[in-house]
PDB file of all heavy atoms in Angstrom:
ATOM      1  N   ILE A   1     -18.718 -12.610  -2.559  1.00  0.00           N
ATOM      2  CA  ILE A   1     -17.815 -11.487  -2.838  1.00  0.00           C
ATOM      3  C   ILE A   1     -16.874 -11.294  -1.656  1.00  0.00           C
ATOM      4  O   ILE A   1     -17.252 -11.482  -0.502  1.00  0.00           O
ATOM      5  CB  ILE A   1     -18.634 -10.204  -3.117  1.00  0.00           C
ATOM      6  CG1 ILE A   1     -19.437 -10.374  -4.416  1.00  0.00           C
ATOM      7  CG2 ILE A   1     -17.736  -8.975  -3.200  1.00  0.00           C
ATOM      8  CD1 ILE A   1     -20.482  -9.303  -4.641  1.00  0.00           C
ATOM      9  N   GLN A   2     -15.643 -10.918  -1.975  1.00  0.00           N
ATOM     10  CA  GLN A   2     -14.631 -10.688  -0.942  1.00  0.00           C
ATOM     11  C   GLN A   2     -13.992  -9.318  -1.174  1.00  0.00           C
ATOM     12  O   GLN A   2     -13.800  -8.894  -2.296  1.00  0.00           O
ATOM     13  CB  GLN A   2     -13.564 -11.782  -1.029  1.00  0.00           C
ATOM     14  CG  GLN A   2     -12.364 -11.574  -0.099  1.00  0.00           C
ATOM     15  CD  GLN A   2     -11.379 -12.716  -0.174  1.00  0.00           C
ATOM     16  OE1 GLN A   2     -11.598 -13.758   0.448  1.00  0.00           O
ATOM     17  NE2 GLN A   2     -10.296 -12.555  -0.916  1.00  0.00           N
ATOM     18  N   GLY A   3     -13.656  -8.646  -0.074  1.00  0.00           N
ATOM     19  CA  GLY A   3     -12.798  -7.472  -0.168  1.00  0.00           C
ATOM     20  C   GLY A   3     -13.490  -6.159  -0.463  1.00  0.00           C
ATOM     21  O   GLY A   3     -14.700  -6.022  -0.347  1.00  0.00           O
ATOM     22  N   GLY A   4     -12.671  -5.179  -0.878  1.00  0.00           N
ATOM     23  CA  GLY A   4     -13.176  -3.883  -1.296  1.00  0.00           C
ATOM     24  C   GLY A   4     -12.676  -2.700  -0.490  1.00  0.00           C
ATOM     25  O   GLY A   4     -12.452  -1.627  -1.042  1.00  0.00           O
ATOM     26  N   LEU A   5     -12.493  -2.854   0.815  1.00  0.00           N
ATOM     27  CA  LEU A   5     -12.120  -1.705   1.647  1.00  0.00           C
ATOM     28  C   LEU A   5     -10.729  -1.190   1.257  1.00  0.00           C
ATOM     29  O   LEU A   5      -9.792  -1.960   1.109  1.00  0.00           O
ATOM     30  CB  LEU A   5     -12.126  -2.100   3.126  1.00  0.00           C
ATOM     31  CG  LEU A   5     -11.871  -0.953   4.118  1.00  0.00           C
ATOM     32  CD1 LEU A   5     -13.087  -0.037   4.213  1.00  0.00           C
ATOM     33  CD2 LEU A   5     -11.499  -1.490   5.499  1.00  0.00           C
ATOM     34  N   ASP A   6     -10.628   0.122   1.111  1.00  0.00           N
ATOM     35  CA  ASP A   6      -9.347   0.746   0.776  1.00  0.00           C
ATOM     36  C   ASP A   6      -8.376   0.568   1.955  1.00  0.00           C
ATOM     37  O   ASP A   6      -8.690   0.971   3.083  1.00  0.00           O
ATOM     38  CB  ASP A   6      -9.572   2.243   0.501  1.00  0.00           C
ATOM     39  CG  ASP A   6      -8.348   2.923  -0.085  1.00  0.00           C
ATOM     40  OD1 ASP A   6      -7.222   2.469   0.160  1.00  0.00           O
ATOM     41  OD2 ASP A   6      -8.535   3.931  -0.789  1.00  0.00           O
ATOM     42  N   PRO A   7      -7.195  -0.007   1.727  1.00  0.00           N
ATOM     43  CA  PRO A   7      -6.235  -0.210   2.830  1.00  0.00           C
ATOM     44  C   PRO A   7      -5.857   1.090   3.528  1.00  0.00           C
ATOM     45  O   PRO A   7      -5.479   1.070   4.707  1.00  0.00           O
ATOM     46  CB  PRO A   7      -5.009  -0.827   2.128  1.00  0.00           C
ATOM     47  CG  PRO A   7      -5.521  -1.378   0.851  1.00  0.00           C
ATOM     48  CD  PRO A   7      -6.698  -0.543   0.452  1.00  0.00           C
ATOM     49  N   LYS A   8      -5.974   2.222   2.811  1.00  0.00           N
ATOM     50  CA  LYS A   8      -5.608   3.510   3.424  1.00  0.00           C
ATOM     51  C   LYS A   8      -6.552   3.888   4.558  1.00  0.00           C
ATOM     52  O   LYS A   8      -6.206   4.717   5.403  1.00  0.00           O
ATOM     53  CB  LYS A   8      -5.563   4.616   2.354  1.00  0.00           C
ATOM     54  CG  LYS A   8      -4.421   4.452   1.362  1.00  0.00           C
ATOM     55  CD  LYS A   8      -4.196   5.697   0.516  1.00  0.00           C
ATOM     56  CE  LYS A   8      -5.220   5.860  -0.573  1.00  0.00           C
ATOM     57  NZ  LYS A   8      -5.155   4.814  -1.607  1.00  0.00           N
ATOM     58  N   ILE A   9      -7.750   3.301   4.571  1.00  0.00           N
ATOM     59  CA  ILE A   9      -8.696   3.573   5.668  1.00  0.00           C
ATOM     60  C   ILE A   9      -8.087   3.135   7.005  1.00  0.00           C
ATOM     61  O   ILE A   9      -8.354   3.736   8.051  1.00  0.00           O
ATOM     62  CB  ILE A   9     -10.045   2.846   5.421  1.00  0.00           C
ATOM     63  CG1 ILE A   9     -10.695   3.316   4.112  1.00  0.00           C
ATOM     64  CG2 ILE A   9     -10.996   3.029   6.591  1.00  0.00           C
ATOM     65  CD1 ILE A   9     -11.083   4.770   4.084  1.00  0.00           C
ATOM     66  N   LEU A  10      -7.257   2.105   6.959  1.00  0.00           N
ATOM     67  CA  LEU A  10      -6.602   1.633   8.186  1.00  0.00           C
ATOM     68  C   LEU A  10      -5.538   2.615   8.692  1.00  0.00           C
ATOM     69  O   LEU A  10      -5.027   2.457   9.810  1.00  0.00           O
ATOM     70  CB  LEU A  10      -5.968   0.257   7.956  1.00  0.00           C
ATOM     71  CG  LEU A  10      -6.941  -0.926   7.910  1.00  0.00           C
ATOM     72  CD1 LEU A  10      -6.288  -2.140   7.274  1.00  0.00           C
ATOM     73  CD2 LEU A  10      -7.445  -1.271   9.312  1.00  0.00           C
ATOM     74  N   LEU A  11      -5.209   3.608   7.883  1.00  0.00           N
ATOM     75  CA  LEU A  11      -4.229   4.625   8.298  1.00  0.00           C
ATOM     76  C   LEU A  11      -4.914   5.839   8.913  1.00  0.00           C
ATOM     77  O   LEU A  11      -4.236   6.785   9.322  1.00  0.00           O
ATOM     78  CB  LEU A  11      -3.382   5.079   7.096  1.00  0.00           C
ATOM     79  CG  LEU A  11      -2.612   3.997   6.341  1.00  0.00           C
ATOM     80  CD1 LEU A  11      -1.821   4.622   5.194  1.00  0.00           C
ATOM     81  CD2 LEU A  11      -1.683   3.225   7.260  1.00  0.00           C
ATOM     82  N   THR A  12      -6.254   5.827   8.967  1.00  0.00           N
ATOM     83  CA  THR A  12      -6.988   6.976   9.520  1.00  0.00           C
ATOM     84  C   THR A  12      -7.251   6.766  11.013  1.00  0.00           C
ATOM     85  O   THR A  12      -6.344   6.423  11.753  1.00  0.00           O
ATOM     86  CB  THR A  12      -8.286   7.221   8.718  1.00  0.00           C
ATOM     87  OG1 THR A  12      -9.145   6.065   8.800  1.00  0.00           O
ATOM     88  CG2 THR A  12      -7.987   7.511   7.257  1.00  0.00           C
ATOM     89  N   ASP A  13      -8.473   6.960  11.461  1.00  0.00           N
ATOM     90  CA  ASP A  13      -8.798   6.786  12.881  1.00  0.00           C
ATOM     91  C   ASP A  13      -9.922   5.766  13.045  1.00  0.00           C
ATOM     92  O   ASP A  13     -10.563   5.371  12.073  1.00  0.00           O
ATOM     93  CB  ASP A  13      -9.203   8.130  13.518  1.00  0.00           C
ATOM     94  CG  ASP A  13     -10.377   8.775  12.783  1.00  0.00           C
ATOM     95  OD1 ASP A  13     -11.519   8.273  12.925  1.00  0.00           O
ATOM     96  OD2 ASP A  13     -10.159   9.755  12.046  1.00  0.00           O
ATOM     97  N   ARG A  14     -10.163   5.361  14.271  1.00  0.00           N
ATOM     98  CA  ARG A  14     -11.122   4.278  14.529  1.00  0.00           C
ATOM     99  C   ARG A  14     -12.542   4.632  14.119  1.00  0.00           C
ATOM    100  O   ARG A  14     -13.290   3.783  13.634  1.00  0.00           O
ATOM    101  CB  ARG A  14     -11.071   3.872  16.001  1.00  0.00           C
ATOM    102  CG  ARG A  14      -9.860   3.021  16.326  1.00  0.00           C
ATOM    103  CD  ARG A  14      -9.748   2.727  17.821  1.00  0.00           C
ATOM    104  NE  ARG A  14      -8.556   1.927  18.096  1.00  0.00           N
ATOM    105  CZ  ARG A  14      -7.321   2.429  18.140  1.00  0.00           C
ATOM    106  NH1 ARG A  14      -7.119   3.726  17.911  1.00  0.00           N
ATOM    107  NH2 ARG A  14      -6.287   1.643  18.387  1.00  0.00           N
ATOM    108  N   GLU A  15     -12.931   5.877  14.307  1.00  0.00           N
ATOM    109  CA  GLU A  15     -14.298   6.275  13.936  1.00  0.00           C
ATOM    110  C   GLU A  15     -14.511   6.171  12.427  1.00  0.00           C
ATOM    111  O   GLU A  15     -15.543   5.685  11.962  1.00  0.00           O
ATOM    112  CB  GLU A  15     -14.583   7.707  14.419  1.00  0.00           C
ATOM    113  CG  GLU A  15     -15.001   7.804  15.878  1.00  0.00           C
ATOM    114  CD  GLU A  15     -16.140   6.847  16.236  1.00  0.00           C
ATOM    115  OE1 GLU A  15     -17.206   6.909  15.581  1.00  0.00           O
ATOM    116  OE2 GLU A  15     -15.967   6.024  17.152  1.00  0.00           O
ATOM    117  N   ASN A  16     -13.536   6.644  11.688  1.00  0.00           N
ATOM    118  CA  ASN A  16     -13.633   6.571  10.228  1.00  0.00           C
ATOM    119  C   ASN A  16     -13.584   5.119   9.758  1.00  0.00           C
ATOM    120  O   ASN A  16     -14.321   4.722   8.841  1.00  0.00           O
ATOM    121  CB  ASN A  16     -12.493   7.371   9.592  1.00  0.00           C
ATOM    122  CG  ASN A  16     -12.682   7.525   8.100  1.00  0.00           C
ATOM    123  OD1 ASN A  16     -13.748   7.916   7.635  1.00  0.00           O
ATOM    124  ND2 ASN A  16     -11.656   7.177   7.325  1.00  0.00           N
ATOM    125  N   LEU A  17     -12.739   4.328  10.394  1.00  0.00           N
ATOM    126  CA  LEU A  17     -12.644   2.904  10.062  1.00  0.00           C
ATOM    127  C   LEU A  17     -13.994   2.220  10.276  1.00  0.00           C
ATOM    128  O   LEU A  17     -14.462   1.460   9.417  1.00  0.00           O
ATOM    129  CB  LEU A  17     -11.570   2.239  10.927  1.00  0.00           C
ATOM    130  CG  LEU A  17     -11.413   0.720  10.771  1.00  0.00           C
ATOM    131  CD1 LEU A  17     -10.947   0.362   9.367  1.00  0.00           C
ATOM    132  CD2 LEU A  17     -10.431   0.173  11.816  1.00  0.00           C
ATOM    133  N   LYS A  18     -14.609   2.526  11.402  1.00  0.00           N
ATOM    134  CA  LYS A  18     -15.907   1.914  11.716  1.00  0.00           C
ATOM    135  C   LYS A  18     -16.953   2.317  10.684  1.00  0.00           C
ATOM    136  O   LYS A  18     -17.719   1.478  10.187  1.00  0.00           O
ATOM    137  CB  LYS A  18     -16.352   2.346  13.116  1.00  0.00           C
ATOM    138  CG  LYS A  18     -17.602   1.647  13.603  1.00  0.00           C
ATOM    139  CD  LYS A  18     -17.863   2.013  15.062  1.00  0.00           C
ATOM    140  CE  LYS A  18     -19.058   1.247  15.607  1.00  0.00           C
ATOM    141  NZ  LYS A  18     -19.310   1.555  17.029  1.00  0.00           N
ATOM    142  N   LYS A  19     -16.964   3.599  10.325  1.00  0.00           N
ATOM    143  CA  LYS A  19     -17.941   4.106   9.353  1.00  0.00           C
ATOM    144  C   LYS A  19     -17.758   3.421   7.989  1.00  0.00           C
ATOM    145  O   LYS A  19     -18.722   2.962   7.379  1.00  0.00           O
ATOM    146  CB  LYS A  19     -17.764   5.618   9.208  1.00  0.00           C
ATOM    147  CG  LYS A  19     -18.761   6.263   8.247  1.00  0.00           C
ATOM    148  CD  LYS A  19     -18.491   7.749   8.079  1.00  0.00           C
ATOM    149  CE  LYS A  19     -17.303   7.955   7.147  1.00  0.00           C
ATOM    150  NZ  LYS A  19     -17.068   9.369   6.792  1.00  0.00           N
ATOM    151  N   GLU A  20     -16.505   3.329   7.523  1.00  0.00           N
ATOM    152  CA  GLU A  20     -16.233   2.753   6.197  1.00  0.00           C
ATOM    153  C   GLU A  20     -16.454   1.240   6.172  1.00  0.00           C
ATOM    154  O   GLU A  20     -16.990   0.696   5.209  1.00  0.00           O
ATOM    155  CB  GLU A  20     -14.794   3.079   5.760  1.00  0.00           C
ATOM    156  CG  GLU A  20     -14.527   4.561   5.540  1.00  0.00           C
ATOM    157  CD  GLU A  20     -15.378   5.153   4.434  1.00  0.00           C
ATOM    158  OE1 GLU A  20     -15.657   4.446   3.440  1.00  0.00           O
ATOM    159  OE2 GLU A  20     -15.785   6.327   4.563  1.00  0.00           O
ATOM    160  N   ALA A  21     -16.049   0.564   7.234  1.00  0.00           N
ATOM    161  CA  ALA A  21     -16.236  -0.900   7.289  1.00  0.00           C
ATOM    162  C   ALA A  21     -17.727  -1.236   7.319  1.00  0.00           C
ATOM    163  O   ALA A  21     -18.180  -2.183   6.660  1.00  0.00           O
ATOM    164  CB  ALA A  21     -15.538  -1.474   8.510  1.00  0.00           C
ATOM    165  N   LYS A  22     -18.492  -0.444   8.060  1.00  0.00           N
ATOM    166  CA  LYS A  22     -19.938  -0.722   8.173  1.00  0.00           C
ATOM    167  C   LYS A  22     -20.665  -0.517   6.842  1.00  0.00           C
ATOM    168  O   LYS A  22     -21.703  -1.129   6.603  1.00  0.00           O
ATOM    169  CB  LYS A  22     -20.553   0.119   9.287  1.00  0.00           C
ATOM    170  CG  LYS A  22     -20.129  -0.365  10.671  1.00  0.00           C
ATOM    171  CD  LYS A  22     -21.136  -0.029  11.734  1.00  0.00           C
ATOM    172  CE  LYS A  22     -20.882  -0.875  12.975  1.00  0.00           C
ATOM    173  NZ  LYS A  22     -21.907  -0.698  13.999  1.00  0.00           N
ATOM    174  N   LYS A  23     -20.117   0.357   5.984  1.00  0.00           N
ATOM    175  CA  LYS A  23     -20.702   0.528   4.646  1.00  0.00           C
ATOM    176  C   LYS A  23     -20.703  -0.802   3.909  1.00  0.00           C
ATOM    177  O   LYS A  23     -21.704  -1.197   3.309  1.00  0.00           O
ATOM    178  CB  LYS A  23     -19.883   1.546   3.835  1.00  0.00           C
ATOM    179  CG  LYS A  23     -20.174   2.993   4.127  1.00  0.00           C
ATOM    180  CD  LYS A  23     -19.355   3.868   3.174  1.00  0.00           C
ATOM    181  CE  LYS A  23     -19.376   5.321   3.618  1.00  0.00           C
ATOM    182  NZ  LYS A  23     -18.439   6.129   2.785  1.00  0.00           N
ATOM    183  N   TYR A  24     -19.566  -1.504   3.947  1.00  0.00           N
ATOM    184  CA  TYR A  24     -19.461  -2.793   3.257  1.00  0.00           C
ATOM    185  C   TYR A  24     -20.337  -3.841   3.929  1.00  0.00           C
ATOM    186  O   TYR A  24     -21.022  -4.622   3.256  1.00  0.00           O
ATOM    187  CB  TYR A  24     -17.996  -3.259   3.216  1.00  0.00           C
ATOM    188  CG  TYR A  24     -17.201  -2.532   2.165  1.00  0.00           C
ATOM    189  CD1 TYR A  24     -16.564  -1.338   2.444  1.00  0.00           C
ATOM    190  CD2 TYR A  24     -17.106  -3.040   0.867  1.00  0.00           C
ATOM    191  CE1 TYR A  24     -15.843  -0.653   1.469  1.00  0.00           C
ATOM    192  CE2 TYR A  24     -16.385  -2.375  -0.120  1.00  0.00           C
ATOM    193  CZ  TYR A  24     -15.761  -1.181   0.187  1.00  0.00           C
ATOM    194  OH  TYR A  24     -15.065  -0.513  -0.787  1.00  0.00           O
ATOM    195  N   LEU A  25     -20.339  -3.852   5.243  1.00  0.00           N
ATOM    196  CA  LEU A  25     -21.148  -4.838   5.970  1.00  0.00           C
ATOM    197  C   LEU A  25     -22.636  -4.637   5.696  1.00  0.00           C
ATOM    198  O   LEU A  25     -23.391  -5.608   5.592  1.00  0.00           O
ATOM    199  CB  LEU A  25     -20.858  -4.741   7.472  1.00  0.00           C
ATOM    200  CG  LEU A  25     -19.451  -5.200   7.888  1.00  0.00           C
ATOM    201  CD1 LEU A  25     -19.162  -4.794   9.332  1.00  0.00           C
ATOM    202  CD2 LEU A  25     -19.297  -6.710   7.722  1.00  0.00           C
ATOM    203  N   GLU A  26     -23.040  -3.388   5.548  1.00  0.00           N
ATOM    204  CA  GLU A  26     -24.456  -3.106   5.279  1.00  0.00           C
ATOM    205  C   GLU A  26     -24.826  -3.474   3.839  1.00  0.00           C
ATOM    206  O   GLU A  26     -25.858  -4.112   3.597  1.00  0.00           O
ATOM    207  CB  GLU A  26     -24.748  -1.619   5.536  1.00  0.00           C
ATOM    208  CG  GLU A  26     -26.201  -1.212   5.337  1.00  0.00           C
ATOM    209  CD  GLU A  26     -27.193  -2.030   6.159  1.00  0.00           C
ATOM    210  OE1 GLU A  26     -26.859  -2.429   7.299  1.00  0.00           O
ATOM    211  OE2 GLU A  26     -28.298  -2.286   5.644  1.00  0.00           O
ATOM    212  N   VAL A  27     -23.982  -3.093   2.890  1.00  0.00           N
ATOM    213  CA  VAL A  27     -24.255  -3.404   1.484  1.00  0.00           C
ATOM    214  C   VAL A  27     -24.371  -4.923   1.270  1.00  0.00           C
ATOM    215  O   VAL A  27     -25.240  -5.394   0.536  1.00  0.00           O
ATOM    216  CB  VAL A  27     -23.151  -2.824   0.567  1.00  0.00           C
ATOM    217  CG1 VAL A  27     -23.270  -3.392  -0.852  1.00  0.00           C
ATOM    218  CG2 VAL A  27     -23.224  -1.298   0.528  1.00  0.00           C
ATOM    219  N   PHE A  28     -23.503  -5.669   1.953  1.00  0.00           N
ATOM    220  CA  PHE A  28     -23.463  -7.127   1.743  1.00  0.00           C
ATOM    221  C   PHE A  28     -24.191  -7.914   2.849  1.00  0.00           C
ATOM    222  O   PHE A  28     -23.944  -9.092   3.035  1.00  0.00           O
ATOM    223  CB  PHE A  28     -22.008  -7.598   1.639  1.00  0.00           C
ATOM    224  CG  PHE A  28     -21.287  -7.051   0.437  1.00  0.00           C
ATOM    225  CD1 PHE A  28     -20.236  -6.157   0.575  1.00  0.00           C
ATOM    226  CD2 PHE A  28     -21.671  -7.432  -0.849  1.00  0.00           C
ATOM    227  CE1 PHE A  28     -19.572  -5.650  -0.540  1.00  0.00           C
ATOM    228  CE2 PHE A  28     -21.011  -6.926  -1.967  1.00  0.00           C
ATOM    229  CZ  PHE A  28     -19.959  -6.031  -1.812  1.00  0.00           C
ATOM    230  N   ARG A  29     -25.083  -7.212   3.554  1.00  0.00           N
ATOM    231  CA  ARG A  29     -25.784  -7.856   4.681  1.00  0.00           C
ATOM    232  C   ARG A  29     -26.526  -9.116   4.247  1.00  0.00           C
ATOM    233  O   ARG A  29     -26.508 -10.125   4.932  1.00  0.00           O
ATOM    234  CB  ARG A  29     -26.754  -6.853   5.319  1.00  0.00           C
ATOM    235  CG  ARG A  29     -27.403  -7.323   6.610  1.00  0.00           C
ATOM    236  CD  ARG A  29     -27.966  -6.141   7.384  1.00  0.00           C
ATOM    237  NE  ARG A  29     -28.721  -5.242   6.509  1.00  0.00           N
ATOM    238  CZ  ARG A  29     -30.026  -5.334   6.271  1.00  0.00           C
ATOM    239  NH1 ARG A  29     -30.721  -6.320   6.831  1.00  0.00           N
ATOM    240  NH2 ARG A  29     -30.641  -4.483   5.489  1.00  0.00           N
ATOM    241  N   GLU A  30     -27.152  -9.076   3.081  1.00  0.00           N
ATOM    242  CA  GLU A  30     -27.936 -10.218   2.590  1.00  0.00           C
ATOM    243  C   GLU A  30     -27.191 -11.026   1.523  1.00  0.00           C
ATOM    244  O   GLU A  30     -27.783 -11.843   0.828  1.00  0.00           O
ATOM    245  CB  GLU A  30     -29.266  -9.714   1.991  1.00  0.00           C
ATOM    246  CG  GLU A  30     -30.097  -8.848   2.908  1.00  0.00           C
ATOM    247  CD  GLU A  30     -30.674  -9.635   4.079  1.00  0.00           C
ATOM    248  OE1 GLU A  30     -30.803 -10.870   3.943  1.00  0.00           O
ATOM    249  OE2 GLU A  30     -30.986  -9.018   5.112  1.00  0.00           O
ATOM    250  N   HIS A  31     -25.908 -10.774   1.405  1.00  0.00           N
ATOM    251  CA  HIS A  31     -25.112 -11.422   0.343  1.00  0.00           C
ATOM    252  C   HIS A  31     -23.937 -12.168   0.984  1.00  0.00           C
ATOM    253  O   HIS A  31     -23.355 -11.675   1.946  1.00  0.00           O
ATOM    254  CB  HIS A  31     -24.568 -10.349  -0.612  1.00  0.00           C
ATOM    255  CG  HIS A  31     -24.024 -10.893  -1.891  1.00  0.00           C
ATOM    256  ND1 HIS A  31     -24.758 -10.942  -3.057  1.00  0.00           N
ATOM    257  CD2 HIS A  31     -22.820 -11.446  -2.190  1.00  0.00           C
ATOM    258  CE1 HIS A  31     -24.025 -11.474  -4.020  1.00  0.00           C
ATOM    259  NE2 HIS A  31     -22.846 -11.787  -3.518  1.00  0.00           N
ATOM    260  N   PRO A  32     -23.572 -13.354   0.478  1.00  0.00           N
ATOM    261  CA  PRO A  32     -22.392 -14.034   1.019  1.00  0.00           C
ATOM    262  C   PRO A  32     -21.147 -13.180   0.801  1.00  0.00           C
ATOM    263  O   PRO A  32     -20.817 -12.823  -0.333  1.00  0.00           O
ATOM    264  CB  PRO A  32     -22.329 -15.347   0.226  1.00  0.00           C
ATOM    265  CG  PRO A  32     -23.259 -15.198  -0.928  1.00  0.00           C
ATOM    266  CD  PRO A  32     -24.245 -14.155  -0.577  1.00  0.00           C
ATOM    267  N   TYR A  33     -20.484 -12.820   1.911  1.00  0.00           N
ATOM    268  CA  TYR A  33     -19.395 -11.834   1.848  1.00  0.00           C
ATOM    269  C   TYR A  33     -18.269 -12.197   2.808  1.00  0.00           C
ATOM    270  O   TYR A  33     -18.506 -12.576   3.955  1.00  0.00           O
ATOM    271  CB  TYR A  33     -19.947 -10.447   2.191  1.00  0.00           C
ATOM    272  CG  TYR A  33     -18.901  -9.349   2.166  1.00  0.00           C
ATOM    273  CD1 TYR A  33     -18.268  -8.994   0.980  1.00  0.00           C
ATOM    274  CD2 TYR A  33     -18.555  -8.664   3.328  1.00  0.00           C
ATOM    275  CE1 TYR A  33     -17.307  -7.985   0.956  1.00  0.00           C
ATOM    276  CE2 TYR A  33     -17.613  -7.648   3.315  1.00  0.00           C
ATOM    277  CZ  TYR A  33     -16.980  -7.310   2.129  1.00  0.00           C
ATOM    278  OH  TYR A  33     -16.034  -6.311   2.115  1.00  0.00           O
ATOM    279  N   ILE A  34     -17.039 -12.074   2.315  1.00  0.00           N
ATOM    280  CA  ILE A  34     -15.826 -12.275   3.109  1.00  0.00           C
ATOM    281  C   ILE A  34     -15.166 -10.913   3.251  1.00  0.00           C
ATOM    282  O   ILE A  34     -14.781 -10.302   2.240  1.00  0.00           O
ATOM    283  CB  ILE A  34     -14.862 -13.266   2.414  1.00  0.00           C
ATOM    284  CG1 ILE A  34     -15.538 -14.624   2.211  1.00  0.00           C
ATOM    285  CG2 ILE A  34     -13.569 -13.410   3.222  1.00  0.00           C
ATOM    286  CD1 ILE A  34     -14.903 -15.464   1.109  1.00  0.00           C
ATOM    287  N   PHE A  35     -15.022 -10.444   4.478  1.00  0.00           N
ATOM    288  CA  PHE A  35     -14.426  -9.118   4.663  1.00  0.00           C
ATOM    289  C   PHE A  35     -12.931  -9.188   4.376  1.00  0.00           C
ATOM    290  O   PHE A  35     -12.219 -10.044   4.887  1.00  0.00           O
ATOM    291  CB  PHE A  35     -14.668  -8.577   6.077  1.00  0.00           C
ATOM    292  CG  PHE A  35     -14.624  -7.080   6.125  1.00  0.00           C
ATOM    293  CD1 PHE A  35     -15.798  -6.349   6.159  1.00  0.00           C
ATOM    294  CD2 PHE A  35     -13.410  -6.403   6.070  1.00  0.00           C
ATOM    295  CE1 PHE A  35     -15.765  -4.944   6.161  1.00  0.00           C
ATOM    296  CE2 PHE A  35     -13.370  -5.028   6.065  1.00  0.00           C
ATOM    297  CZ  PHE A  35     -14.547  -4.291   6.114  1.00  0.00           C
ATOM    298  N   ASN A  36     -12.475  -8.254   3.543  1.00  0.00           N
ATOM    299  CA  ASN A  36     -11.067  -8.150   3.189  1.00  0.00           C
ATOM    300  C   ASN A  36     -10.855  -6.745   2.639  1.00  0.00           C
ATOM    301  O   ASN A  36     -11.769  -5.924   2.641  1.00  0.00           O
ATOM    302  CB  ASN A  36     -10.687  -9.229   2.156  1.00  0.00           C
ATOM    303  CG  ASN A  36      -9.218  -9.629   2.229  1.00  0.00           C
ATOM    304  OD1 ASN A  36      -8.327  -8.779   2.306  1.00  0.00           O
ATOM    305  ND2 ASN A  36      -8.962 -10.932   2.210  1.00  0.00           N
ATOM    306  N   LEU A  37      -9.669  -6.491   2.144  1.00  0.00           N
ATOM    307  CA  LEU A  37      -9.336  -5.189   1.593  1.00  0.00           C
ATOM    308  C   LEU A  37      -9.381  -5.235   0.069  1.00  0.00           C
ATOM    309  O   LEU A  37      -9.488  -6.301  -0.531  1.00  0.00           O
ATOM    310  CB  LEU A  37      -7.935  -4.768   2.063  1.00  0.00           C
ATOM    311  CG  LEU A  37      -7.708  -4.769   3.574  1.00  0.00           C
ATOM    312  CD1 LEU A  37      -6.257  -4.440   3.890  1.00  0.00           C
ATOM    313  CD2 LEU A  37      -8.652  -3.792   4.272  1.00  0.00           C
ATOM    314  N   GLY A  38      -9.254  -4.044  -0.541  1.00  0.00           N
ATOM    315  CA  GLY A  38      -9.179  -3.970  -1.992  1.00  0.00           C
ATOM    316  C   GLY A  38      -7.760  -4.086  -2.497  1.00  0.00           C
ATOM    317  O   GLY A  38      -7.484  -3.996  -3.690  1.00  0.00           O
ATOM    318  N   HIS A  39      -6.823  -4.310  -1.590  1.00  0.00           N
ATOM    319  CA  HIS A  39      -5.411  -4.576  -1.876  1.00  0.00           C
ATOM    320  C   HIS A  39      -4.776  -4.936  -0.536  1.00  0.00           C
ATOM    321  O   HIS A  39      -5.477  -5.073   0.456  1.00  0.00           O
ATOM    322  CB  HIS A  39      -4.755  -3.348  -2.521  1.00  0.00           C
ATOM    323  CG  HIS A  39      -3.516  -3.675  -3.303  1.00  0.00           C
ATOM    324  ND1 HIS A  39      -3.228  -4.937  -3.765  1.00  0.00           N
ATOM    325  CD2 HIS A  39      -2.470  -2.893  -3.710  1.00  0.00           C
ATOM    326  CE1 HIS A  39      -2.082  -4.919  -4.429  1.00  0.00           C
ATOM    327  NE2 HIS A  39      -1.598  -3.691  -4.407  1.00  0.00           N
ATOM    328  N   GLY A  40      -3.453  -5.093  -0.495  1.00  0.00           N
ATOM    329  CA  GLY A  40      -2.821  -5.590   0.731  1.00  0.00           C
ATOM    330  C   GLY A  40      -2.695  -4.556   1.838  1.00  0.00           C
ATOM    331  O   GLY A  40      -2.726  -3.339   1.595  1.00  0.00           O
ATOM    332  N   VAL A  41      -2.523  -5.047   3.066  1.00  0.00           N
ATOM    333  CA  VAL A  41      -2.274  -4.179   4.227  1.00  0.00           C
ATOM    334  C   VAL A  41      -1.015  -3.347   3.963  1.00  0.00           C
ATOM    335  O   VAL A  41       0.020  -3.873   3.532  1.00  0.00           O
ATOM    336  CB  VAL A  41      -2.065  -5.010   5.510  1.00  0.00           C
ATOM    337  CG1 VAL A  41      -1.793  -4.100   6.706  1.00  0.00           C
ATOM    338  CG2 VAL A  41      -3.275  -5.896   5.785  1.00  0.00           C
ATOM    339  N   LEU A  42      -1.090  -2.036   4.223  1.00  0.00           N
ATOM    340  CA  LEU A  42       0.057  -1.145   3.992  1.00  0.00           C
ATOM    341  C   LEU A  42       1.057  -1.242   5.151  1.00  0.00           C
ATOM    342  O   LEU A  42       0.662  -1.461   6.305  1.00  0.00           O
ATOM    343  CB  LEU A  42      -0.434   0.295   3.826  1.00  0.00           C
ATOM    344  CG  LEU A  42      -1.312   0.523   2.580  1.00  0.00           C
ATOM    345  CD1 LEU A  42      -2.020   1.870   2.670  1.00  0.00           C
ATOM    346  CD2 LEU A  42      -0.477   0.440   1.312  1.00  0.00           C
ATOM    347  N   PRO A  43       2.348  -1.051   4.864  1.00  0.00           N
ATOM    348  CA  PRO A  43       3.385  -1.213   5.888  1.00  0.00           C
ATOM    349  C   PRO A  43       3.213  -0.301   7.101  1.00  0.00           C
ATOM    350  O   PRO A  43       3.604  -0.665   8.211  1.00  0.00           O
ATOM    351  CB  PRO A  43       4.686  -0.866   5.144  1.00  0.00           C
ATOM    352  CG  PRO A  43       4.375  -1.059   3.703  1.00  0.00           C
ATOM    353  CD  PRO A  43       2.918  -0.762   3.536  1.00  0.00           C
ATOM    354  N   ASP A  44       2.643   0.904   6.912  1.00  0.00           N
ATOM    355  CA  ASP A  44       2.511   1.868   8.018  1.00  0.00           C
ATOM    356  C   ASP A  44       1.277   1.636   8.887  1.00  0.00           C
ATOM    357  O   ASP A  44       0.990   2.421   9.787  1.00  0.00           O
ATOM    358  CB  ASP A  44       2.455   3.299   7.467  1.00  0.00           C
ATOM    359  CG  ASP A  44       3.753   3.703   6.789  1.00  0.00           C
ATOM    360  OD1 ASP A  44       4.794   3.097   7.118  1.00  0.00           O
ATOM    361  OD2 ASP A  44       3.718   4.597   5.929  1.00  0.00           O
TER     362      ASP A  44
END
């Protein structure tokens, strides 16, 4: 599985980014996973 993180999370702050990214890393800890977003990087 690849992706999933909401690109808008990258518009918040580092603490929130860490919390949200770790959710995906934990869920897919035992599963083959490629970290990516649920859509493209936003211009801002």
